[in-house]
Amino acid sequence: MEAFCLRWLLLVWQCFVIPVWGLEFYKAAVYEHSTVLRQNLIPPTREEALELMQKNLDIYQEQVHEASKQGVKIIVFPENGIHGFPLTRATIYPYLEPIPDPDVVQWNPCLHPTEYSDTEVLYQLSCMARNSSMYLIANLGEREACELSDPKCPSDGRYHFNTNVVFDAEGTLIAKYQKWKLFMTEIYYNKPKTLQHVIFDTPFAGKFGIFTCFDILFYEPAVSLIERYGIKQIIFTTAWMNLLPLLSAVQFHQAFAAAFGINLLAANQHHPEYNMTGSGIYTPLDFPYYYNMKSREGKLLVADVPIITSINNHTLEQSDSQTSTFLQEQKGAVKQEQTDLFTNCTVSHMDGAGDIFHAKMMFDNYTLISLTGLQGNLQVCTNALCCHVAYKYGNTPTNLYALGAFDGLHTVDGVYYLQVCALVKCAGSDYDTCGQSVATASDIIDFKLWGNFSTRHIFPEILASEMKIYRADSKGWSNNDFYMIKKGMSAGLVTAALYGRWYEKDNLSQQ
């Protein structure tokens, strides 16, 4: 009787669930880790380094055990989660381990712990994966000896790499990825000799790609994994410092996943004192995320993730009608409606127009126009980019808002070309506060935001009060404009932005 019931349930699932949703799911976890840090800046011994790393590995073990009880198939830990944030090559060296190339040798550290020396951390990570029957991704420092005859070999005779390692459910090291785009402060690491596109396969969800933190802002290796290789599931380890109003972790990472229609498993550090928090499991169907500046504790996020194969390589040119159809087919999404205010908007008139001014936003010089009145239709232009907004307040305005446009090369903490249309709440009543960091708002605003972008890589962001993120009701290309529409928000608007990256115009010397 029990066997009959199981067969009947399986038949029901196959006949009804799969045809209706068209997808199967797997359970994934990301852990936002409050890394135990070393406060002493004197280089530690290997024993002292292992002692510190053990404290973090013990926490990893607890989270793997908890994830295993929930049926998780794959777990992701953040960048620098095991050794923290060393400041020099001398202080990081004792934490580093040699990591063999999984494409050359097959190695299971849990089964063969003595095959390579100084691999105590790899051994423990391997056993965590093996004992929990779970794919495990972690970030750690890698060392590799080099000959001084090598023109790129550092003077101390070794390379240091910021490396992600991937263990399968048996504990075998199946992939490693060395971070390509190092952030300005990562002076203790070296850039890899060659660009790596790392893809690994799983029996439960197919192919995954992987990259780290600052990589996500550049075409290589992040976007190319998706567009050239058709990878729809991305592992993302990060130690992301939130920068408002445009680049908080949950805000941009969700926008990145939404723009490409991918699954993004993003694990961040949890250190509010460094403005580091914000992790999520972002999918086309849902995006559970975590943002907490008050708690000092880490957080395990677990979610059911739809399996997206790499057969259909949807790009950013995917139309809004395709996106809407996908969501409706998968989850019975509610039909999206548009008000007359946002239908066939033009800018032949400037209702509610305010002053045009300039202000710094994220270190860039934006051209802005202030919002006045309960509703309006505004335009602001800079270089080749013209940004437009049609808006309607749901309450009497209590704060200053402005529509900003930027079309140019960003040069602080990295060099990359941007085209951005942003509707932002100003930090105060003066124009020079527009573009400053703001996290709370009380004004409810329905809007359509659009611009004549020269790049097709547009990331739609909607951030509300208390770091709540929203998905656009609709978005896509209309003639030569990219637009998004949102109405009926329950929280005050902080930022609505179309964050465009014109990769082709990046400074080539920075690639």
Protein backbone atom coordinates (compact mmCIF):
# COMPACT_ATOMS: atom_id res chain seq x y z
CA MET A 1 0.00 0.00 0.00
CA GLU A 2 2.82 2.39 0.90
CA ALA A 3 4.59 1.67 -2.38
CA PHE A 4 1.35 2.31 -4.30
CA CYS A 5 0.91 5.67 -2.57
CA LEU A 6 4.45 6.71 -3.43
CA ARG A 7 3.96 5.75 -7.09
CA TRP A 8 0.66 7.66 -7.14
CA LEU A 9 2.27 10.80 -5.67
CA LEU A 10 5.08 10.60 -8.20
CA LEU A 11 2.57 10.27 -11.04
CA VAL A 12 0.64 13.30 -9.79
CA TRP A 13 3.88 15.34 -9.61
CA GLN A 14 4.92 14.34 -13.13
CA CYS A 15 1.49 14.91 -14.67
CA PHE A 16 0.52 18.15 -12.97
CA VAL A 17 3.39 19.99 -11.34
CA ILE A 18 5.99 19.70 -14.07
CA PRO A 19 3.70 20.60 -17.02
CA VAL A 20 2.27 23.59 -15.15
CA TRP A 21 5.53 25.06 -13.90
CA GLY A 22 7.87 23.55 -16.46
CA LEU A 23 10.65 23.45 -13.88
CA GLU A 24 12.15 21.26 -11.22
CA PHE A 25 13.81 22.63 -8.10
CA TYR A 26 16.79 21.96 -5.89
CA LYS A 27 17.53 23.29 -2.42
CA ALA A 28 20.47 25.69 -2.07
CA ALA A 29 22.03 27.62 0.80
CA VAL A 30 24.27 30.64 1.17
CA TYR A 31 25.82 31.62 4.47
CA GLU A 32 26.46 35.25 5.41
CA HIS A 33 29.42 34.77 7.72
CA SER A 34 30.58 37.00 10.55
CA THR A 35 34.20 36.03 10.09
CA VAL A 36 36.40 35.76 13.14
CA LEU A 37 39.20 38.24 12.43
CA ARG A 38 42.78 38.54 13.65
CA GLN A 39 43.39 41.94 15.23
CA ASN A 40 47.18 41.59 15.54
CA LEU A 41 48.96 42.94 12.45
CA ILE A 42 52.15 40.99 13.18
CA PRO A 43 52.48 38.08 10.71
CA PRO A 44 51.26 34.91 12.46
CA THR A 45 52.94 31.54 12.45
CA ARG A 46 51.27 28.76 10.48
CA GLU A 47 50.03 27.32 13.78
CA GLU A 48 48.50 30.66 14.79
CA ALA A 49 46.91 31.00 11.36
CA LEU A 50 45.41 27.51 11.61
CA GLU A 51 44.08 28.32 15.07
CA LEU A 52 42.20 31.36 13.74
CA MET A 53 40.94 29.57 10.63
CA GLN A 54 39.70 26.70 12.79
CA LYS A 55 37.31 29.07 14.54
CA ASN A 56 35.75 29.96 11.20
CA LEU A 57 35.77 26.37 9.99
CA ASP A 58 33.92 25.30 13.14
CA ILE A 59 31.16 27.77 12.22
CA TYR A 60 31.14 26.46 8.65
CA GLN A 61 30.71 22.93 10.01
CA GLU A 62 27.70 24.01 12.07
CA GLN A 63 26.07 25.63 9.05
CA VAL A 64 26.72 22.62 6.82
CA HIS A 65 25.11 20.39 9.44
CA GLU A 66 22.06 22.66 9.64
CA ALA A 67 21.80 22.90 5.85
CA SER A 68 22.04 19.12 5.56
CA LYS A 69 19.05 18.70 7.87
CA GLN A 70 17.06 20.87 5.44
CA GLY A 71 18.00 18.81 2.39
CA VAL A 72 20.40 21.32 0.85
CA LYS A 73 22.28 20.12 -2.24
CA ILE A 74 24.77 22.99 -2.54
CA ILE A 75 26.10 25.56 -0.07
CA VAL A 76 28.13 28.74 -0.68
CA PHE A 77 30.37 30.57 1.80
CA PRO A 78 31.67 34.14 1.32
CA GLU A 79 34.91 35.62 0.08
CA ASN A 80 37.62 35.84 2.78
CA GLY A 81 35.38 33.87 5.12
CA ILE A 82 38.11 31.59 6.45
CA HIS A 83 41.09 33.89 7.00
CA GLY A 84 39.48 37.34 7.16
CA PHE A 85 41.14 40.51 5.84
CA PRO A 86 44.95 40.45 6.06
CA LEU A 87 46.62 43.70 5.02
CA THR A 88 49.97 42.66 3.55
CA ARG A 89 51.63 39.77 1.72
CA ALA A 90 53.53 38.93 4.89
CA THR A 91 50.43 38.70 7.10
CA ILE A 92 48.42 36.62 4.62
CA TYR A 93 51.14 34.11 3.73
CA PRO A 94 50.68 31.75 6.73
CA TYR A 95 46.99 31.36 5.80
CA LEU A 96 47.65 30.26 2.23
CA GLU A 97 47.52 26.68 0.96
CA PRO A 98 48.68 25.07 -2.29
CA ILE A 99 45.67 24.03 -4.37
CA PRO A 100 46.26 21.51 -7.18
CA ASP A 101 44.56 22.03 -10.53
CA PRO A 102 41.42 19.83 -10.61
CA ASP A 103 41.68 19.71 -14.40
CA VAL A 104 45.05 17.97 -14.07
CA VAL A 105 44.75 15.80 -10.97
CA GLN A 106 41.82 14.13 -9.24
CA TRP A 107 42.07 14.58 -5.49
CA ASN A 108 39.77 13.96 -2.56
CA PRO A 109 41.46 15.60 0.46
CA CYS A 110 39.15 13.87 2.94
CA LEU A 111 40.21 10.44 1.65
CA HIS A 112 43.84 11.35 0.93
CA PRO A 113 44.78 14.10 3.40
CA THR A 114 48.56 13.65 3.17
CA GLU A 115 48.87 13.83 -0.61
CA TYR A 116 49.74 17.53 -0.40
CA SER A 117 51.32 19.32 2.55
CA ASP A 118 49.88 22.40 4.27
CA THR A 119 46.32 21.60 3.13
CA GLU A 120 44.58 21.34 6.50
CA VAL A 121 41.79 23.71 5.44
CA LEU A 122 41.13 21.88 2.18
CA TYR A 123 40.94 18.62 4.14
CA GLN A 124 38.25 19.96 6.45
CA LEU A 125 36.20 21.50 3.64
CA SER A 126 36.38 18.24 1.71
CA CYS A 127 35.15 16.25 4.70
CA MET A 128 32.30 18.69 5.31
CA ALA A 129 31.11 18.13 1.75
CA ARG A 130 31.60 14.37 1.91
CA ASN A 131 29.98 13.82 5.30
CA SER A 132 26.94 15.90 4.35
CA SER A 133 26.67 14.64 0.74
CA MET A 134 26.60 18.27 -0.36
CA TYR A 135 28.38 20.38 -2.95
CA LEU A 136 30.40 23.00 -1.07
CA ILE A 137 31.97 26.23 -2.33
CA ALA A 138 34.38 28.22 -0.17
CA ASN A 139 36.93 30.97 -0.68
CA LEU A 140 40.50 30.83 0.63
CA GLY A 141 43.98 32.06 -0.17
CA GLU A 142 46.15 30.03 -2.53
CA ARG A 143 49.93 30.03 -2.87
CA GLU A 144 51.98 28.90 -5.84
CA ALA A 145 55.77 28.95 -6.07
CA CYS A 146 57.33 30.58 -9.10
CA GLU A 147 60.79 30.97 -10.55
CA LEU A 148 62.36 34.41 -10.49
CA SER A 149 63.09 33.86 -14.17
CA ASP A 150 59.34 34.24 -14.65
CA PRO A 151 58.96 37.95 -15.55
CA LYS A 152 55.68 38.13 -13.60
CA CYS A 153 56.97 36.28 -10.54
CA PRO A 154 56.77 38.49 -7.42
CA SER A 155 60.02 39.30 -5.63
CA ASP A 156 59.18 36.90 -2.78
CA GLY A 157 59.10 33.99 -5.23
CA ARG A 158 55.44 33.05 -4.97
CA TYR A 159 52.04 33.92 -6.36
CA HIS A 160 49.11 34.62 -4.03
CA PHE A 161 45.63 34.04 -5.45
CA ASN A 162 42.13 34.79 -4.18
CA THR A 163 40.61 31.39 -4.92
CA ASN A 164 37.20 29.71 -4.78
CA VAL A 165 37.22 25.93 -4.39
CA VAL A 166 34.37 23.59 -5.32
CA PHE A 167 33.91 20.18 -3.71
CA ASP A 168 31.35 17.67 -4.93
CA ALA A 169 29.14 15.58 -2.65
CA GLU A 170 31.90 12.97 -2.32
CA GLY A 171 34.42 15.56 -1.15
CA THR A 172 36.41 15.59 -4.39
CA LEU A 173 37.93 18.90 -5.47
CA ILE A 174 36.28 19.39 -8.87
CA ALA A 175 36.97 23.06 -9.64
CA LYS A 176 38.86 26.13 -8.53
CA TYR A 177 38.59 29.72 -9.68
CA GLN A 178 41.20 32.44 -9.17
CA LYS A 179 39.67 35.91 -8.92
CA TRP A 180 40.34 37.97 -12.03
CA LYS A 181 39.31 41.52 -11.06
CA LEU A 182 41.06 42.26 -7.80
CA PHE A 183 39.76 45.22 -5.81
CA MET A 184 42.04 48.17 -5.08
CA THR A 185 42.79 47.04 -1.51
CA GLU A 186 43.77 43.46 -2.45
CA ILE A 187 47.45 44.32 -2.65
CA TYR A 188 48.41 40.99 -1.07
CA TYR A 189 47.00 38.99 -4.01
CA ASN A 190 48.21 38.57 -7.59
CA LYS A 191 46.14 38.62 -10.73
CA PRO A 192 46.03 35.17 -12.36
CA LYS A 193 48.22 34.57 -15.38
CA THR A 194 45.23 33.87 -17.58
CA LEU A 195 41.53 34.66 -17.55
CA GLN A 196 39.50 31.69 -16.32
CA HIS A 197 35.96 30.71 -17.22
CA VAL A 198 35.20 28.06 -14.63
CA ILE A 199 32.15 25.84 -15.14
CA PHE A 200 31.30 22.74 -13.14
CA ASP A 201 28.54 20.18 -13.53
CA THR A 202 26.14 18.77 -10.94
CA PRO A 203 23.76 15.80 -11.10
CA PHE A 204 20.88 17.76 -9.54
CA ALA A 205 20.90 21.03 -11.51
CA GLY A 206 23.34 20.85 -14.41
CA LYS A 207 26.02 23.45 -15.00
CA PHE A 208 27.15 26.28 -12.72
CA GLY A 209 29.56 29.12 -13.35
CA ILE A 210 31.57 30.86 -10.64
CA PHE A 211 33.21 34.22 -10.00
CA THR A 212 34.08 36.51 -7.09
CA CYS A 213 32.99 39.93 -5.80
CA PHE A 214 34.44 42.75 -8.00
CA ASP A 215 34.27 40.44 -11.04
CA ILE A 216 30.52 41.06 -11.26
CA LEU A 217 31.02 44.63 -12.50
CA PHE A 218 32.95 43.59 -15.62
CA TYR A 219 32.31 41.68 -18.82
CA GLU A 220 35.12 39.25 -18.06
CA PRO A 221 34.63 36.82 -16.55
CA ALA A 222 31.11 37.47 -15.25
CA VAL A 223 28.99 38.45 -18.24
CA SER A 224 30.88 36.25 -20.69
CA LEU A 225 30.03 33.15 -18.63
CA ILE A 226 26.37 33.95 -19.20
CA GLU A 227 26.40 35.29 -22.74
CA ARG A 228 29.16 33.25 -24.39
CA TYR A 229 28.75 29.99 -22.51
CA GLY A 230 25.02 30.14 -21.78
CA ILE A 231 25.45 29.49 -18.04
CA LYS A 232 22.24 30.25 -16.16
CA GLN A 233 23.33 29.39 -12.61
CA ILE A 234 26.09 31.38 -10.94
CA ILE A 235 27.99 30.90 -7.67
CA PHE A 236 29.07 34.28 -6.28
CA THR A 237 31.35 34.69 -3.26
CA THR A 238 31.84 38.25 -2.05
CA ALA A 239 33.04 40.59 0.67
CA TRP A 240 30.86 43.47 -0.54
CA MET A 241 30.90 46.88 1.10
CA ASN A 242 27.52 48.53 0.53
CA LEU A 243 27.57 51.82 -1.36
CA LEU A 244 24.30 53.70 -1.56
CA PRO A 245 22.38 54.86 -3.47
CA LEU A 246 23.31 52.54 -6.37
CA LEU A 247 25.55 49.67 -5.27
CA SER A 248 24.33 48.04 -2.08
CA ALA A 249 24.78 44.28 -2.24
CA VAL A 250 21.16 43.12 -2.33
CA GLN A 251 20.20 45.96 -4.66
CA PHE A 252 22.77 45.35 -7.39
CA HIS A 253 23.06 41.57 -7.12
CA GLN A 254 19.30 41.14 -7.50
CA ALA A 255 19.36 43.54 -10.47
CA PHE A 256 22.17 41.54 -12.08
CA ALA A 257 20.25 38.28 -11.71
CA ALA A 258 17.02 39.87 -12.95
CA ALA A 259 18.67 41.40 -16.01
CA PHE A 260 20.00 38.05 -17.20
CA GLY A 261 17.17 35.84 -15.93
CA ILE A 262 19.61 33.65 -13.99
CA ASN A 263 20.00 32.04 -10.58
CA LEU A 264 22.63 33.89 -8.54
CA LEU A 265 23.71 32.31 -5.25
CA ALA A 266 25.41 35.24 -3.48
CA ALA A 267 27.18 34.82 -0.11
CA ASN A 268 28.52 37.96 1.55
CA GLN A 269 30.48 38.75 4.69
CA HIS A 270 28.57 39.99 7.74
CA HIS A 271 30.52 42.86 9.26
CA PRO A 272 28.30 45.90 9.81
CA GLU A 273 31.31 47.83 11.13
CA TYR A 274 32.74 47.61 7.59
CA ASN A 275 29.32 48.13 5.98
CA MET A 276 29.40 44.51 4.81
CA THR A 277 26.06 42.73 4.77
CA GLY A 278 23.59 41.50 2.20
CA SER A 279 23.31 37.99 0.78
CA GLY A 280 20.67 36.36 -1.36
CA ILE A 281 19.46 33.53 -3.55
CA TYR A 282 18.20 35.45 -6.56
CA THR A 283 16.12 33.59 -9.13
CA PRO A 284 13.61 34.54 -11.87
CA LEU A 285 10.83 33.31 -9.58
CA ASP A 286 11.81 34.69 -6.19
CA PHE A 287 14.71 36.34 -4.40
CA PRO A 288 15.01 35.60 -0.68
CA TYR A 289 17.71 37.86 0.72
CA TYR A 290 19.17 39.07 3.99
CA TYR A 291 20.32 42.54 5.02
CA ASN A 292 20.99 43.38 8.66
CA MET A 293 23.18 46.19 9.99
CA LYS A 294 22.17 45.63 13.64
CA SER A 295 22.90 42.00 14.39
CA ARG A 296 26.48 40.75 14.71
CA GLU A 297 25.52 37.15 13.92
CA GLY A 298 25.77 35.31 10.63
CA LYS A 299 22.76 34.06 8.71
CA LEU A 300 22.01 30.85 6.80
CA LEU A 301 19.65 31.38 3.85
CA VAL A 302 17.98 28.29 2.37
CA ALA A 303 15.68 28.33 -0.66
CA ASP A 304 14.18 26.17 -3.39
CA VAL A 305 15.87 27.15 -6.64
CA PRO A 306 14.41 26.49 -10.11
CA ILE A 307 16.69 24.54 -12.40
CA ILE A 308 17.50 26.73 -15.39
CA THR A 309 19.39 24.91 -18.11
CA SER A 310 21.90 26.62 -20.35
CA ILE A 311 20.13 25.44 -23.52
CA ASN A 312 18.11 28.61 -24.00
CA ASN A 313 20.57 31.46 -23.63
CA HIS A 314 18.31 34.42 -22.92
CA THR A 315 20.29 37.66 -22.85
CA LEU A 316 19.54 41.17 -21.76
CA GLU A 317 17.66 41.61 -25.02
CA GLN A 318 14.93 39.36 -23.65
CA SER A 319 11.70 41.34 -24.01
CA ASP A 320 9.41 42.21 -21.16
CA SER A 321 6.65 40.11 -22.71
CA GLN A 322 8.98 37.09 -22.59
CA THR A 323 9.78 37.78 -18.95
CA SER A 324 6.12 38.19 -18.03
CA THR A 325 5.16 35.00 -19.87
CA PHE A 326 7.93 33.09 -18.11
CA LEU A 327 6.79 34.23 -14.68
CA GLN A 328 3.14 33.52 -15.40
CA GLU A 329 3.90 30.04 -16.66
CA GLN A 330 6.13 29.20 -13.72
CA LYS A 331 4.22 30.67 -10.81
CA GLY A 332 0.90 31.92 -12.08
CA ALA A 333 2.13 35.48 -11.76
CA VAL A 334 -0.49 38.17 -11.34
CA LYS A 335 -1.23 40.02 -14.53
CA GLN A 336 0.58 43.36 -14.60
CA GLU A 337 -1.40 46.49 -15.34
CA GLN A 338 -0.26 49.95 -16.34
CA THR A 339 -1.92 53.24 -15.51
CA ASP A 340 -2.62 55.82 -18.20
CA LEU A 341 0.13 57.97 -16.70
CA PHE A 342 2.75 55.43 -17.73
CA THR A 343 1.31 54.34 -21.09
CA ASN A 344 2.91 55.87 -24.19
CA CYS A 345 4.71 58.52 -22.12
CA THR A 346 6.29 61.36 -24.04
CA VAL A 347 8.48 64.24 -23.02
CA SER A 348 7.03 66.90 -25.28
CA HIS A 349 6.05 68.73 -22.11
CA MET A 350 7.65 69.02 -18.68
CA ASP A 351 4.97 68.76 -16.03
CA GLY A 352 6.22 69.39 -12.51
CA ALA A 353 9.68 70.37 -13.73
CA GLY A 354 12.18 71.64 -11.18
CA ASP A 355 15.69 73.00 -11.38
CA ILE A 356 18.52 71.36 -13.28
CA PHE A 357 21.69 71.06 -11.22
CA HIS A 358 24.80 68.94 -10.71
CA ALA A 359 25.78 66.79 -7.74
CA LYS A 360 28.15 63.94 -6.91
CA MET A 361 26.67 60.46 -6.78
CA MET A 362 28.96 57.50 -6.16
CA PHE A 363 31.92 59.82 -6.97
CA ASP A 364 30.50 60.66 -10.40
CA ASN A 365 29.20 64.05 -11.52
CA TYR A 366 25.48 63.64 -12.29
CA THR A 367 23.18 66.06 -14.05
CA LEU A 368 19.89 66.15 -12.10
CA ILE A 369 16.46 67.71 -12.15
CA SER A 370 14.29 68.03 -9.06
CA LEU A 371 10.75 66.68 -8.77
CA THR A 372 8.01 69.15 -7.89
CA GLY A 373 4.28 68.59 -7.64
CA LEU A 374 2.26 65.45 -7.03
CA GLN A 375 2.93 64.12 -10.51
CA GLY A 376 5.00 65.00 -13.51
CA ASN A 377 6.97 64.03 -16.56
CA LEU A 378 10.64 65.03 -16.55
CA GLN A 379 13.73 64.78 -18.71
CA VAL A 380 17.42 65.33 -18.03
CA CYS A 381 20.30 64.75 -20.43
CA THR A 382 24.06 64.41 -20.30
CA ASN A 383 26.34 63.57 -23.22
CA ALA A 384 24.43 61.07 -25.39
CA LEU A 385 22.09 59.87 -22.64
CA CYS A 386 18.65 61.35 -21.97
CA CYS A 387 16.74 60.04 -18.95
CA HIS A 388 13.01 60.41 -18.40
CA VAL A 389 10.59 59.76 -15.58
CA ALA A 390 6.81 59.88 -15.37
CA TYR A 391 5.84 59.85 -11.70
CA LYS A 392 2.91 60.11 -9.35
CA TYR A 393 3.09 60.42 -5.58
CA GLY A 394 0.77 58.32 -3.47
CA ASN A 395 0.96 60.81 -0.63
CA THR A 396 1.86 64.43 -0.02
CA PRO A 397 5.61 64.67 -0.75
CA THR A 398 7.76 65.04 2.35
CA ASN A 399 11.24 64.72 0.84
CA LEU A 400 13.26 66.06 -2.07
CA TYR A 401 13.68 63.70 -5.01
CA ALA A 402 15.67 64.14 -8.19
CA LEU A 403 16.13 62.43 -11.53
CA GLY A 404 19.80 62.05 -12.42
CA ALA A 405 21.75 61.07 -15.53
CA PHE A 406 25.38 60.03 -15.92
CA ASP A 407 27.15 58.96 -19.12
CA GLY A 408 30.87 58.59 -18.64
CA LEU A 409 33.89 56.78 -17.25
CA HIS A 410 33.80 55.96 -13.55
CA THR A 411 37.34 56.26 -12.13
CA VAL A 412 37.16 55.74 -8.35
CA ASP A 413 37.90 52.25 -6.93
CA GLY A 414 37.95 50.86 -10.44
CA VAL A 415 37.68 52.15 -13.99
CA TYR A 416 34.54 51.31 -15.97
CA TYR A 417 32.05 53.06 -18.25
CA LEU A 418 28.54 53.79 -17.02
CA GLN A 419 25.24 55.00 -18.41
CA VAL A 420 22.82 55.52 -15.52
CA CYS A 421 19.32 56.92 -15.12
CA ALA A 422 18.47 57.21 -11.42
CA LEU A 423 15.49 58.53 -9.48
CA VAL A 424 16.83 59.11 -5.97
CA LYS A 425 15.68 60.44 -2.64
CA CYS A 426 17.99 63.23 -1.51
CA ALA A 427 19.53 63.10 1.96
CA GLY A 428 18.22 66.58 2.80
CA SER A 429 16.40 69.57 1.37
CA ASP A 430 19.43 70.98 -0.44
CA TYR A 431 20.39 69.95 -3.96
CA ASP A 432 23.93 69.01 -2.97
CA THR A 433 22.50 66.19 -0.81
CA CYS A 434 21.07 64.42 -3.86
CA GLY A 435 23.17 61.35 -4.49
CA GLN A 436 24.24 60.90 -0.89
CA SER A 437 23.67 57.68 1.05
CA VAL A 438 20.04 57.22 2.14
CA ALA A 439 18.40 54.08 3.55
CA THR A 440 14.96 55.25 4.72
CA ALA A 441 12.06 56.94 2.95
CA SER A 442 8.33 57.51 3.48
CA ASP A 443 7.17 58.78 0.07
CA ILE A 444 5.26 56.27 -2.06
CA ILE A 445 5.88 56.93 -5.76
CA ASP A 446 4.55 55.17 -8.84
CA PHE A 447 6.87 55.69 -11.79
CA LYS A 448 8.01 54.84 -15.27
CA LEU A 449 11.74 55.38 -15.74
CA TRP A 450 13.41 55.17 -19.15
CA GLY A 451 16.39 56.30 -21.22
CA ASN A 452 17.96 56.09 -24.67
CA PHE A 453 20.83 53.84 -23.66
CA SER A 454 23.67 53.06 -26.04
CA THR A 455 24.41 49.79 -24.23
CA ARG A 456 22.12 46.79 -24.02
CA HIS A 457 23.44 45.82 -20.57
CA ILE A 458 20.97 47.51 -18.22
CA PHE A 459 20.47 46.45 -14.61
CA PRO A 460 17.09 47.56 -13.16
CA GLU A 461 17.22 48.49 -9.47
CA ILE A 462 14.35 49.36 -7.12
CA LEU A 463 15.31 49.96 -3.50
CA ALA A 464 12.78 50.96 -0.83
CA SER A 465 13.00 52.04 2.79
CA GLU A 466 14.89 49.79 5.22
CA MET A 467 16.73 48.10 2.32
CA LYS A 468 13.69 46.43 0.81
CA ILE A 469 14.10 45.50 -2.84
CA TYR A 470 11.35 45.22 -5.43
CA ARG A 471 11.08 43.71 -8.89
CA ALA A 472 9.81 45.97 -11.69
CA ASP A 473 6.21 45.37 -12.78
CA SER A 474 7.48 45.45 -16.34
CA LYS A 475 10.71 46.31 -18.11
CA GLY A 476 12.31 46.05 -21.52
CA TRP A 477 13.06 47.84 -24.75
CA SER A 478 10.57 50.12 -26.48
CA ASN A 479 12.01 51.48 -29.72
CA ASN A 480 15.43 52.79 -28.69
CA ASP A 481 14.60 53.24 -25.01
CA PHE A 482 14.97 50.86 -22.11
CA TYR A 483 12.28 51.31 -19.45
CA MET A 484 10.88 49.93 -16.24
CA ILE A 485 7.56 50.54 -14.51
CA LYS A 486 6.66 50.13 -10.84
CA LYS A 487 3.54 51.07 -8.93
CA GLY A 488 1.82 50.15 -5.69
CA MET A 489 4.91 49.86 -3.49
CA SER A 490 4.19 49.47 0.21
CA ALA A 491 7.41 51.18 1.33
CA GLY A 492 8.93 54.55 0.59
CA LEU A 493 11.13 54.80 -2.51
CA VAL A 494 14.86 55.24 -1.92
CA THR A 495 16.28 54.56 -5.38
CA ALA A 496 14.95 53.52 -8.78
CA ALA A 497 17.79 53.15 -11.25
CA LEU A 498 18.60 51.78 -14.66
CA TYR A 499 22.28 51.02 -14.11
CA GLY A 500 23.88 50.61 -17.51
CA ARG A 501 27.34 49.15 -18.12
CA TRP A 502 28.94 49.97 -21.48
CA TYR A 503 31.61 47.29 -21.34
CA GLU A 504 33.02 48.07 -24.77
CA LYS A 505 34.07 51.54 -23.58
CA ASP A 506 35.93 50.43 -20.46
CA ASN A 507 39.54 51.50 -20.23
CA LEU A 508 41.26 48.61 -21.99
CA SER A 509 44.32 48.92 -19.77
CA GLN A 510 42.16 47.89 -16.83
CA GLN A 511 40.93 44.65 -18.37
